[in-house]
PDB file of N, CA and C in Angstrom:
ATOM      1  N   MET A   1      10.725  13.276 -26.319  1.00  0.00           N
ATOM      2  CA  MET A   1      10.365  12.997 -24.941  1.00  0.00           C
ATOM      3  C   MET A   1       8.895  12.606 -24.855  1.00  0.00           C
ATOM      4  N   HIS A   2       8.599  11.634 -24.019  1.00  0.00           N
ATOM      5  CA  HIS A   2       7.229  11.190 -23.795  1.00  0.00           C
ATOM      6  C   HIS A   2       6.623  11.973 -22.634  1.00  0.00           C
ATOM      7  N   THR A   3       5.327  12.164 -22.705  1.00  0.00           N
ATOM      8  CA  THR A   3       4.672  12.862 -21.599  1.00  0.00           C
ATOM      9  C   THR A   3       3.951  11.854 -20.716  1.00  0.00           C
ATOM     10  N   TYR A   4       3.809  12.252 -19.479  1.00  0.00           N
ATOM     11  CA  TYR A   4       3.123  11.432 -18.487  1.00  0.00           C
ATOM     12  C   TYR A   4       1.705  11.109 -18.952  1.00  0.00           C
ATOM     13  N   GLU A   5       1.033  12.120 -19.525  1.00  0.00           N
ATOM     14  CA  GLU A   5      -0.365  11.955 -19.928  1.00  0.00           C
ATOM     15  C   GLU A   5      -0.534  11.079 -21.166  1.00  0.00           C
ATOM     16  N   SER A   6       0.445  11.065 -22.050  1.00  0.00           N
ATOM     17  CA  SER A   6       0.269  10.335 -23.312  1.00  0.00           C
ATOM     18  C   SER A   6       0.581   8.848 -23.193  1.00  0.00           C
ATOM     19  N   ASP A   7       1.579   8.485 -22.374  1.00  0.00           N
ATOM     20  CA  ASP A   7       1.935   7.067 -22.225  1.00  0.00           C
ATOM     21  C   ASP A   7       2.777   6.916 -20.963  1.00  0.00           C
ATOM     22  N   VAL A   8       2.112   6.581 -19.864  1.00  0.00           N
ATOM     23  CA  VAL A   8       2.790   6.550 -18.567  1.00  0.00           C
ATOM     24  C   VAL A   8       3.903   5.499 -18.510  1.00  0.00           C
ATOM     25  N   VAL A   9       3.769   4.405 -19.221  1.00  0.00           N
ATOM     26  CA  VAL A   9       4.808   3.367 -19.207  1.00  0.00           C
ATOM     27  C   VAL A   9       6.063   3.870 -19.918  1.00  0.00           C
ATOM     28  N   GLU A  10       5.909   4.427 -21.108  1.00  0.00           N
ATOM     29  CA  GLU A  10       7.061   4.980 -21.828  1.00  0.00           C
ATOM     30  C   GLU A  10       7.677   6.127 -21.041  1.00  0.00           C
ATOM     31  N   TRP A  11       6.814   6.961 -20.456  1.00  0.00           N
ATOM     32  CA  TRP A  11       7.293   8.069 -19.627  1.00  0.00           C
ATOM     33  C   TRP A  11       8.143   7.533 -18.474  1.00  0.00           C
ATOM     34  N   ALA A  12       7.662   6.498 -17.786  1.00  0.00           N
ATOM     35  CA  ALA A  12       8.391   5.928 -16.646  1.00  0.00           C
ATOM     36  C   ALA A  12       9.736   5.361 -17.083  1.00  0.00           C
ATOM     37  N   ASN A  13       9.763   4.657 -18.200  1.00  0.00           N
ATOM     38  CA  ASN A  13      11.020   4.108 -18.715  1.00  0.00           C
ATOM     39  C   ASN A  13      12.000   5.228 -19.054  1.00  0.00           C
ATOM     40  N   GLU A  14      11.478   6.275 -19.634  1.00  0.00           N
ATOM     41  CA  GLU A  14      12.311   7.419 -19.994  1.00  0.00           C
ATOM     42  C   GLU A  14      12.857   8.116 -18.743  1.00  0.00           C
ATOM     43  N   GLN A  15      12.009   8.290 -17.740  1.00  0.00           N
ATOM     44  CA  GLN A  15      12.447   8.915 -16.495  1.00  0.00           C
ATOM     45  C   GLN A  15      13.547   8.082 -15.830  1.00  0.00           C
ATOM     46  N   ALA A  16      13.384   6.769 -15.827  1.00  0.00           N
ATOM     47  CA  ALA A  16      14.402   5.881 -15.258  1.00  0.00           C
ATOM     48  C   ALA A  16      15.724   6.015 -16.022  1.00  0.00           C
ATOM     49  N   ALA A  17      15.636   6.101 -17.339  1.00  0.00           N
ATOM     50  CA  ALA A  17      16.847   6.264 -18.156  1.00  0.00           C
ATOM     51  C   ALA A  17      17.533   7.595 -17.841  1.00  0.00           C
ATOM     52  N   PHE A  18      16.743   8.665 -17.650  1.00  0.00           N
ATOM     53  CA  PHE A  18      17.323   9.966 -17.284  1.00  0.00           C
ATOM     54  C   PHE A  18      18.075   9.864 -15.959  1.00  0.00           C
ATOM     55  N   ILE A  19      17.474   9.183 -14.995  1.00  0.00           N
ATOM     56  CA  ILE A  19      18.114   9.040 -13.684  1.00  0.00           C
ATOM     57  C   ILE A  19      19.410   8.248 -13.823  1.00  0.00           C
ATOM     58  N   ARG A  20      19.346   7.132 -14.517  1.00  0.00           N
ATOM     59  CA  ARG A  20      20.533   6.274 -14.672  1.00  0.00           C
ATOM     60  C   ARG A  20      21.678   6.979 -15.398  1.00  0.00           C
ATOM     61  N   SER A  21      21.311   7.866 -16.331  1.00  0.00           N
ATOM     62  CA  SER A  21      22.350   8.562 -17.101  1.00  0.00           C
ATOM     63  C   SER A  21      22.752   9.893 -16.469  1.00  0.00           C
ATOM     64  N   GLY A  22      22.137  10.227 -15.333  1.00  0.00           N
ATOM     65  CA  GLY A  22      22.500  11.466 -14.647  1.00  0.00           C
ATOM     66  C   GLY A  22      21.927  12.721 -15.268  1.00  0.00           C
ATOM     67  N   GLN A  23      20.917  12.579 -16.118  1.00  0.00           N
ATOM     68  CA  GLN A  23      20.291  13.735 -16.776  1.00  0.00           C
ATOM     69  C   GLN A  23      19.135  14.260 -15.918  1.00  0.00           C
ATOM     70  N   PHE A  24      19.464  14.691 -14.727  1.00  0.00           N
ATOM     71  CA  PHE A  24      18.453  15.073 -13.742  1.00  0.00           C
ATOM     72  C   PHE A  24      17.641  16.290 -14.162  1.00  0.00           C
ATOM     73  N   GLU A  25      18.221  17.136 -14.979  1.00  0.00           N
ATOM     74  CA  GLU A  25      17.500  18.326 -15.427  1.00  0.00           C
ATOM     75  C   GLU A  25      16.307  17.989 -16.329  1.00  0.00           C
ATOM     76  N   LEU A  26      16.282  16.786 -16.869  1.00  0.00           N
ATOM     77  CA  LEU A  26      15.183  16.368 -17.750  1.00  0.00           C
ATOM     78  C   LEU A  26      14.031  15.680 -16.995  1.00  0.00           C
ATOM     79  N   LEU A  27      14.214  15.478 -15.715  1.00  0.00           N
ATOM     80  CA  LEU A  27      13.206  14.748 -14.932  1.00  0.00           C
ATOM     81  C   LEU A  27      11.919  15.549 -14.759  1.00  0.00           C
ATOM     82  N   ASP A  28      10.814  14.829 -14.800  1.00  0.00           N
ATOM     83  CA  ASP A  28       9.479  15.381 -14.561  1.00  0.00           C
ATOM     84  C   ASP A  28       9.176  15.158 -13.075  1.00  0.00           C
ATOM     85  N   LEU A  29       9.723  16.032 -12.225  1.00  0.00           N
ATOM     86  CA  LEU A  29       9.694  15.815 -10.779  1.00  0.00           C
ATOM     87  C   LEU A  29       8.285  15.765 -10.198  1.00  0.00           C
ATOM     88  N   LYS A  30       7.380  16.585 -10.696  1.00  0.00           N
ATOM     89  CA  LYS A  30       6.018  16.585 -10.162  1.00  0.00           C
ATOM     90  C   LYS A  30       5.362  15.224 -10.349  1.00  0.00           C
ATOM     91  N   HIS A  31       5.454  14.685 -11.551  1.00  0.00           N
ATOM     92  CA  HIS A  31       4.815  13.397 -11.812  1.00  0.00           C
ATOM     93  C   HIS A  31       5.576  12.241 -11.157  1.00  0.00           C
ATOM     94  N   ILE A  32       6.882  12.374 -11.035  1.00  0.00           N
ATOM     95  CA  ILE A  32       7.644  11.341 -10.321  1.00  0.00           C
ATOM     96  C   ILE A  32       7.178  11.285  -8.868  1.00  0.00           C
ATOM     97  N   ALA A  33       7.019  12.450  -8.247  1.00  0.00           N
ATOM     98  CA  ALA A  33       6.531  12.494  -6.862  1.00  0.00           C
ATOM     99  C   ALA A  33       5.142  11.873  -6.759  1.00  0.00           C
ATOM    100  N   ASP A  34       4.274  12.174  -7.725  1.00  0.00           N
ATOM    101  CA  ASP A  34       2.927  11.581  -7.733  1.00  0.00           C
ATOM    102  C   ASP A  34       2.992  10.064  -7.817  1.00  0.00           C
ATOM    103  N   GLU A  35       3.868   9.559  -8.678  1.00  0.00           N
ATOM    104  CA  GLU A  35       3.992   8.110  -8.849  1.00  0.00           C
ATOM    105  C   GLU A  35       4.545   7.442  -7.592  1.00  0.00           C
ATOM    106  N   ILE A  36       5.473   8.086  -6.924  1.00  0.00           N
ATOM    107  CA  ILE A  36       6.018   7.527  -5.687  1.00  0.00           C
ATOM    108  C   ILE A  36       4.916   7.432  -4.636  1.00  0.00           C
ATOM    109  N   GLU A  37       4.102   8.481  -4.522  1.00  0.00           N
ATOM    110  CA  GLU A  37       2.976   8.437  -3.585  1.00  0.00           C
ATOM    111  C   GLU A  37       1.990   7.338  -3.958  1.00  0.00           C
ATOM    112  N   ASP A  38       1.781   7.148  -5.257  1.00  0.00           N
ATOM    113  CA  ASP A  38       0.855   6.108  -5.716  1.00  0.00           C
ATOM    114  C   ASP A  38       1.327   4.708  -5.359  1.00  0.00           C
ATOM    115  N   VAL A  39       2.628   4.502  -5.285  1.00  0.00           N
ATOM    116  CA  VAL A  39       3.158   3.192  -4.875  1.00  0.00           C
ATOM    117  C   VAL A  39       2.667   2.867  -3.476  1.00  0.00           C
ATOM    118  N   GLY A  40       2.737   3.839  -2.580  1.00  0.00           N
ATOM    119  CA  GLY A  40       2.250   3.639  -1.213  1.00  0.00           C
ATOM    120  C   GLY A  40       0.761   3.358  -1.182  1.00  0.00           C
ATOM    121  N   LYS A  41       0.009   4.089  -1.988  1.00  0.00           N
ATOM    122  CA  LYS A  41      -1.437   3.883  -2.039  1.00  0.00           C
ATOM    123  C   LYS A  41      -1.761   2.502  -2.595  1.00  0.00           C
ATOM    124  N   SER A  42      -0.982   2.060  -3.554  1.00  0.00           N
ATOM    125  CA  SER A  42      -1.184   0.735  -4.131  1.00  0.00           C
ATOM    126  C   SER A  42      -0.950  -0.358  -3.086  1.00  0.00           C
ATOM    127  N   GLU A  43       0.083  -0.182  -2.285  1.00  0.00           N
ATOM    128  CA  GLU A  43       0.358  -1.139  -1.208  1.00  0.00           C
ATOM    129  C   GLU A  43      -0.803  -1.174  -0.214  1.00  0.00           C
ATOM    130  N   GLN A  44      -1.359  -0.003   0.100  1.00  0.00           N
ATOM    131  CA  GLN A  44      -2.494   0.056   1.016  1.00  0.00           C
ATOM    132  C   GLN A  44      -3.718  -0.635   0.421  1.00  0.00           C
ATOM    133  N   ARG A  45      -3.960  -0.412  -0.874  1.00  0.00           N
ATOM    134  CA  ARG A  45      -5.103  -1.064  -1.530  1.00  0.00           C
ATOM    135  C   ARG A  45      -4.936  -2.576  -1.542  1.00  0.00           C
ATOM    136  N   GLU A  46      -3.713  -3.047  -1.773  1.00  0.00           N
ATOM    137  CA  GLU A  46      -3.427  -4.487  -1.767  1.00  0.00           C
ATOM    138  C   GLU A  46      -3.742  -5.090  -0.405  1.00  0.00           C
ATOM    139  N   LEU A  47      -3.285  -4.432   0.653  1.00  0.00           N
ATOM    140  CA  LEU A  47      -3.555  -4.917   2.006  1.00  0.00           C
ATOM    141  C   LEU A  47      -5.052  -4.890   2.285  1.00  0.00           C
ATOM    142  N   GLU A  48      -5.699  -3.810   1.915  1.00  0.00           N
ATOM    143  CA  GLU A  48      -7.139  -3.691   2.140  1.00  0.00           C
ATOM    144  C   GLU A  48      -7.909  -4.792   1.415  1.00  0.00           C
ATOM    145  N   SER A  49      -7.524  -5.072   0.202  1.00  0.00           N
ATOM    146  CA  SER A  49      -8.194  -6.110  -0.583  1.00  0.00           C
ATOM    147  C   SER A  49      -8.044  -7.477   0.086  1.00  0.00           C
ATOM    148  N   ARG A  50      -6.849  -7.783   0.538  1.00  0.00           N
ATOM    149  CA  ARG A  50      -6.618  -9.066   1.216  1.00  0.00           C
ATOM    150  C   ARG A  50      -7.398  -9.151   2.520  1.00  0.00           C
ATOM    151  N   MET A  51      -7.475  -8.032   3.244  1.00  0.00           N
ATOM    152  CA  MET A  51      -8.229  -8.011   4.499  1.00  0.00           C
ATOM    153  C   MET A  51      -9.726  -8.237   4.239  1.00  0.00           C
ATOM    154  N   VAL A  52     -10.254  -7.647   3.191  1.00  0.00           N
ATOM    155  CA  VAL A  52     -11.671  -7.817   2.849  1.00  0.00           C
ATOM    156  C   VAL A  52     -11.971  -9.279   2.543  1.00  0.00           C
ATOM    157  N   VAL A  53     -11.118  -9.907   1.747  1.00  0.00           N
ATOM    158  CA  VAL A  53     -11.316 -11.327   1.414  1.00  0.00           C
ATOM    159  C   VAL A  53     -11.250 -12.174   2.680  1.00  0.00           C
ATOM    160  N   LEU A  54     -10.259 -11.922   3.512  1.00  0.00           N
ATOM    161  CA  LEU A  54     -10.109 -12.679   4.754  1.00  0.00           C
ATOM    162  C   LEU A  54     -11.337 -12.515   5.643  1.00  0.00           C
ATOM    163  N   LEU A  55     -11.745 -11.286   5.876  1.00  0.00           N
ATOM    164  CA  LEU A  55     -12.897 -11.045   6.754  1.00  0.00           C
ATOM    165  C   LEU A  55     -14.180 -11.660   6.198  1.00  0.00           C
ATOM    166  N   ALA A  56     -14.380 -11.570   4.906  1.00  0.00           N
ATOM    167  CA  ALA A  56     -15.573 -12.166   4.293  1.00  0.00           C
ATOM    168  C   ALA A  56     -15.601 -13.675   4.531  1.00  0.00           C
ATOM    169  N   HIS A  57     -14.468 -14.324   4.366  1.00  0.00           N
ATOM    170  CA  HIS A  57     -14.433 -15.774   4.565  1.00  0.00           C
ATOM    171  C   HIS A  57     -14.565 -16.156   6.038  1.00  0.00           C
ATOM    172  N   LEU A  58     -14.011 -15.343   6.925  1.00  0.00           N
ATOM    173  CA  LEU A  58     -14.185 -15.629   8.354  1.00  0.00           C
ATOM    174  C   LEU A  58     -15.643 -15.463   8.781  1.00  0.00           C
ATOM    175  N   ILE A  59     -16.304 -14.469   8.222  1.00  0.00           N
ATOM    176  CA  ILE A  59     -17.732 -14.279   8.532  1.00  0.00           C
ATOM    177  C   ILE A  59     -18.549 -15.438   7.981  1.00  0.00           C
ATOM    178  N   LYS A  60     -18.276 -15.837   6.750  1.00  0.00           N
ATOM    179  CA  LYS A  60     -18.962 -16.997   6.175  1.00  0.00           C
ATOM    180  C   LYS A  60     -18.721 -18.233   7.034  1.00  0.00           C
ATOM    181  N   TRP A  61     -17.481 -18.428   7.458  1.00  0.00           N
ATOM    182  CA  TRP A  61     -17.115 -19.587   8.276  1.00  0.00           C
ATOM    183  C   TRP A  61     -17.938 -19.621   9.555  1.00  0.00           C
ATOM    184  N   GLN A  62     -18.095 -18.453  10.175  1.00  0.00           N
ATOM    185  CA  GLN A  62     -18.819 -18.394  11.434  1.00  0.00           C
ATOM    186  C   GLN A  62     -20.325 -18.557  11.255  1.00  0.00           C
ATOM    187  N   PHE A  63     -20.884 -17.929  10.239  1.00  0.00           N
ATOM    188  CA  PHE A  63     -22.340 -17.876  10.116  1.00  0.00           C
ATOM    189  C   PHE A  63     -22.932 -18.859   9.112  1.00  0.00           C
ATOM    190  N   GLN A  64     -22.106 -19.575   8.391  1.00  0.00           N
ATOM    191  CA  GLN A  64     -22.604 -20.583   7.462  1.00  0.00           C
ATOM    192  C   GLN A  64     -21.855 -21.901   7.679  1.00  0.00           C
ATOM    193  N   PRO A  65     -21.974 -22.472   8.873  1.00  0.00           N
ATOM    194  CA  PRO A  65     -21.186 -23.675   9.184  1.00  0.00           C
ATOM    195  C   PRO A  65     -21.500 -24.859   8.271  1.00  0.00           C
ATOM    196  N   THR A  66     -22.692 -24.917   7.723  1.00  0.00           N
ATOM    197  CA  THR A  66     -23.029 -26.050   6.854  1.00  0.00           C
ATOM    198  C   THR A  66     -22.345 -25.953   5.488  1.00  0.00           C
ATOM    199  N   HIS A  67     -21.804 -24.783   5.166  1.00  0.00           N
ATOM    200  CA  HIS A  67     -21.138 -24.589   3.874  1.00  0.00           C
ATOM    201  C   HIS A  67     -19.611 -24.601   3.977  1.00  0.00           C
ATOM    202  N   ARG A  68     -19.116 -24.868   5.171  1.00  0.00           N
ATOM    203  CA  ARG A  68     -17.666 -24.867   5.351  1.00  0.00           C
ATOM    204  C   ARG A  68     -17.021 -25.921   4.458  1.00  0.00           C
ATOM    205  N   GLY A  69     -15.915 -25.524   3.892  1.00  0.00           N
ATOM    206  CA  GLY A  69     -15.206 -26.465   3.034  1.00  0.00           C
ATOM    207  C   GLY A  69     -13.729 -26.179   3.017  1.00  0.00           C
ATOM    208  N   VAL A  70     -13.023 -27.048   2.347  1.00  0.00           N
ATOM    209  CA  VAL A  70     -11.572 -26.937   2.263  1.00  0.00           C
ATOM    210  C   VAL A  70     -11.177 -25.630   1.563  1.00  0.00           C
ATOM    211  N   SER A  71     -11.934 -25.227   0.549  1.00  0.00           N
ATOM    212  CA  SER A  71     -11.556 -24.028  -0.199  1.00  0.00           C
ATOM    213  C   SER A  71     -11.613 -22.782   0.691  1.00  0.00           C
ATOM    214  N   TRP A  72     -12.610 -22.702   1.579  1.00  0.00           N
ATOM    215  CA  TRP A  72     -12.685 -21.560   2.496  1.00  0.00           C
ATOM    216  C   TRP A  72     -11.481 -21.570   3.430  1.00  0.00           C
ATOM    217  N   GLU A  73     -11.170 -22.756   3.933  1.00  0.00           N
ATOM    218  CA  GLU A  73     -10.037 -22.888   4.844  1.00  0.00           C
ATOM    219  C   GLU A  73      -8.725 -22.491   4.157  1.00  0.00           C
ATOM    220  N   VAL A  74      -8.559 -22.923   2.935  1.00  0.00           N
ATOM    221  CA  VAL A  74      -7.361 -22.583   2.166  1.00  0.00           C
ATOM    222  C   VAL A  74      -7.306 -21.072   1.934  1.00  0.00           C
ATOM    223  N   THR A  75      -8.447 -20.473   1.589  1.00  0.00           N
ATOM    224  CA  THR A  75      -8.481 -19.025   1.365  1.00  0.00           C
ATOM    225  C   THR A  75      -8.096 -18.264   2.625  1.00  0.00           C
ATOM    226  N   VAL A  76      -8.627 -18.664   3.773  1.00  0.00           N
ATOM    227  CA  VAL A  76      -8.304 -18.001   5.038  1.00  0.00           C
ATOM    228  C   VAL A  76      -6.804 -18.115   5.326  1.00  0.00           C
ATOM    229  N   LYS A  77      -6.255 -19.313   5.191  1.00  0.00           N
ATOM    230  CA  LYS A  77      -4.821 -19.504   5.450  1.00  0.00           C
ATOM    231  C   LYS A  77      -3.964 -18.707   4.472  1.00  0.00           C
ATOM    232  N   THR A  78      -4.346 -18.723   3.206  1.00  0.00           N
ATOM    233  CA  THR A  78      -3.590 -18.001   2.180  1.00  0.00           C
ATOM    234  C   THR A  78      -3.611 -16.501   2.434  1.00  0.00           C
ATOM    235  N   GLN A  79      -4.793 -15.969   2.723  1.00  0.00           N
ATOM    236  CA  GLN A  79      -4.891 -14.527   2.956  1.00  0.00           C
ATOM    237  C   GLN A  79      -4.121 -14.121   4.212  1.00  0.00           C
ATOM    238  N   ARG A  80      -4.198 -14.911   5.258  1.00  0.00           N
ATOM    239  CA  ARG A  80      -3.451 -14.604   6.478  1.00  0.00           C
ATOM    240  C   ARG A  80      -1.948 -14.590   6.193  1.00  0.00           C
ATOM    241  N   LYS A  81      -1.490 -15.576   5.443  1.00  0.00           N
ATOM    242  CA  LYS A  81      -0.069 -15.658   5.102  1.00  0.00           C
ATOM    243  C   LYS A  81       0.348 -14.459   4.247  1.00  0.00           C
ATOM    244  N   ASN A  82      -0.469 -14.113   3.268  1.00  0.00           N
ATOM    245  CA  ASN A  82      -0.140 -12.993   2.387  1.00  0.00           C
ATOM    246  C   ASN A  82      -0.207 -11.652   3.117  1.00  0.00           C
ATOM    247  N   ILE A  83      -1.147 -11.510   4.040  1.00  0.00           N
ATOM    248  CA  ILE A  83      -1.229 -10.291   4.851  1.00  0.00           C
ATOM    249  C   ILE A  83       0.012 -10.169   5.717  1.00  0.00           C
ATOM    250  N   ASP A  84       0.386 -11.247   6.355  1.00  0.00           N
ATOM    251  CA  ASP A  84       1.579 -11.243   7.200  1.00  0.00           C
ATOM    252  C   ASP A  84       2.818 -10.896   6.379  1.00  0.00           C
ATOM    253  N   ARG A  85       2.939 -11.489   5.217  1.00  0.00           N
ATOM    254  CA  ARG A  85       4.085 -11.221   4.337  1.00  0.00           C
ATOM    255  C   ARG A  85       4.112  -9.749   3.912  1.00  0.00           C
ATOM    256  N   ARG A  86       2.936  -9.222   3.570  1.00  0.00           N
ATOM    257  CA  ARG A  86       2.838  -7.811   3.153  1.00  0.00           C
ATOM    258  C   ARG A  86       3.245  -6.891   4.301  1.00  0.00           C
ATOM    259  N   LEU A  87       2.803  -7.209   5.523  1.00  0.00           N
ATOM    260  CA  LEU A  87       3.136  -6.373   6.678  1.00  0.00           C
ATOM    261  C   LEU A  87       4.615  -6.468   7.041  1.00  0.00           C
ATOM    262  N   GLN A  88       5.224  -7.625   6.821  1.00  0.00           N
ATOM    263  CA  GLN A  88       6.658  -7.756   7.069  1.00  0.00           C
ATOM    264  C   GLN A  88       7.454  -6.983   6.026  1.00  0.00           C
ATOM    265  N   LYS A  89       6.989  -7.013   4.784  1.00  0.00           N
ATOM    266  CA  LYS A  89       7.676  -6.327   3.695  1.00  0.00           C
ATOM    267  C   LYS A  89       7.521  -4.807   3.824  1.00  0.00           C
ATOM    268  N   THR A  90       6.361  -4.374   4.316  1.00  0.00           N
ATOM    269  CA  THR A  90       6.063  -2.943   4.418  1.00  0.00           C
ATOM    270  C   THR A  90       5.492  -2.662   5.804  1.00  0.00           C
ATOM    271  N   PRO A  91       6.335  -2.605   6.824  1.00  0.00           N
ATOM    272  CA  PRO A  91       5.864  -2.463   8.207  1.00  0.00           C
ATOM    273  C   PRO A  91       5.021  -1.209   8.459  1.00  0.00           C
ATOM    274  N   SER A  92       5.229  -0.159   7.682  1.00  0.00           N
ATOM    275  CA  SER A  92       4.459   1.069   7.900  1.00  0.00           C
ATOM    276  C   SER A  92       2.967   0.872   7.644  1.00  0.00           C
ATOM    277  N   LEU A  93       2.601  -0.199   6.952  1.00  0.00           N
ATOM    278  CA  LEU A  93       1.184  -0.473   6.712  1.00  0.00           C
ATOM    279  C   LEU A  93       0.447  -0.848   7.997  1.00  0.00           C
ATOM    280  N   LYS A  94       1.175  -1.310   9.012  1.00  0.00           N
ATOM    281  CA  LYS A  94       0.535  -1.683  10.268  1.00  0.00           C
ATOM    282  C   LYS A  94      -0.244  -0.535  10.861  1.00  0.00           C
ATOM    283  N   SER A  95       0.257   0.677  10.720  1.00  0.00           N
ATOM    284  CA  SER A  95      -0.435   1.838  11.275  1.00  0.00           C
ATOM    285  C   SER A  95      -1.786   2.069  10.597  1.00  0.00           C
ATOM    286  N   THR A  96      -1.925   1.646   9.338  1.00  0.00           N
ATOM    287  CA  THR A  96      -3.211   1.830   8.671  1.00  0.00           C
ATOM    288  C   THR A  96      -4.276   0.883   9.210  1.00  0.00           C
ATOM    289  N   LEU A  97      -3.839  -0.210   9.821  1.00  0.00           N
ATOM    290  CA  LEU A  97      -4.796  -1.154  10.392  1.00  0.00           C
ATOM    291  C   LEU A  97      -5.446  -0.616  11.670  1.00  0.00           C
ATOM    292  N   ASN A  98      -4.747   0.263  12.346  1.00  0.00           N
ATOM    293  CA  ASN A  98      -5.231   0.796  13.619  1.00  0.00           C
ATOM    294  C   ASN A  98      -5.867   2.163  13.489  1.00  0.00           C
ATOM    295  N   SER A  99      -5.908   2.720  12.299  1.00  0.00           N
ATOM    296  CA  SER A  99      -6.402   4.080  12.098  1.00  0.00           C
ATOM    297  C   SER A  99      -7.740   4.062  11.380  1.00  0.00           C
ATOM    298  N   PRO A 100      -8.843   4.369  12.091  1.00  0.00           N
ATOM    299  CA  PRO A 100     -10.127   4.437  11.394  1.00  0.00           C
ATOM    300  C   PRO A 100     -10.083   5.573  10.383  1.00  0.00           C
ATOM    301  N   GLY A 101     -10.620   5.312   9.216  1.00  0.00           N
ATOM    302  CA  GLY A 101     -10.652   6.334   8.172  1.00  0.00           C
ATOM    303  C   GLY A 101      -9.282   6.734   7.677  1.00  0.00           C
ATOM    304  N   SER A 102      -8.365   5.778   7.622  1.00  0.00           N
ATOM    305  CA  SER A 102      -6.978   6.096   7.259  1.00  0.00           C
ATOM    306  C   SER A 102      -6.786   6.264   5.759  1.00  0.00           C
ATOM    307  N   ARG A 103      -7.790   6.053   4.975  1.00  0.00           N
ATOM    308  CA  ARG A 103      -7.620   6.181   3.529  1.00  0.00           C
ATOM    309  C   ARG A 103      -7.557   7.603   3.093  1.00  0.00           C
TER     310      ARG A 103
END
């Protein structure tokens, strides 16, 4: 058996195999719960990262009009589209946008 601390990828594959084969008594429930929570945190970090890029480019657009270019415009459109897609895929993330200090 692999341990969570020694190789998380092998551990995850092994845990999935235990679930698929019905060997529930072999599951590392504490670390599985931690990993499930981390998935949510990862989604939040992804949204936050996209929001930071979007806001930075919107600020540049507003305050550096002489530097405006197609690449900034493309970045703004891309980030908006990806943010919208992320929020549609994971609607619960919307609440993090309205909560100061939600991290």
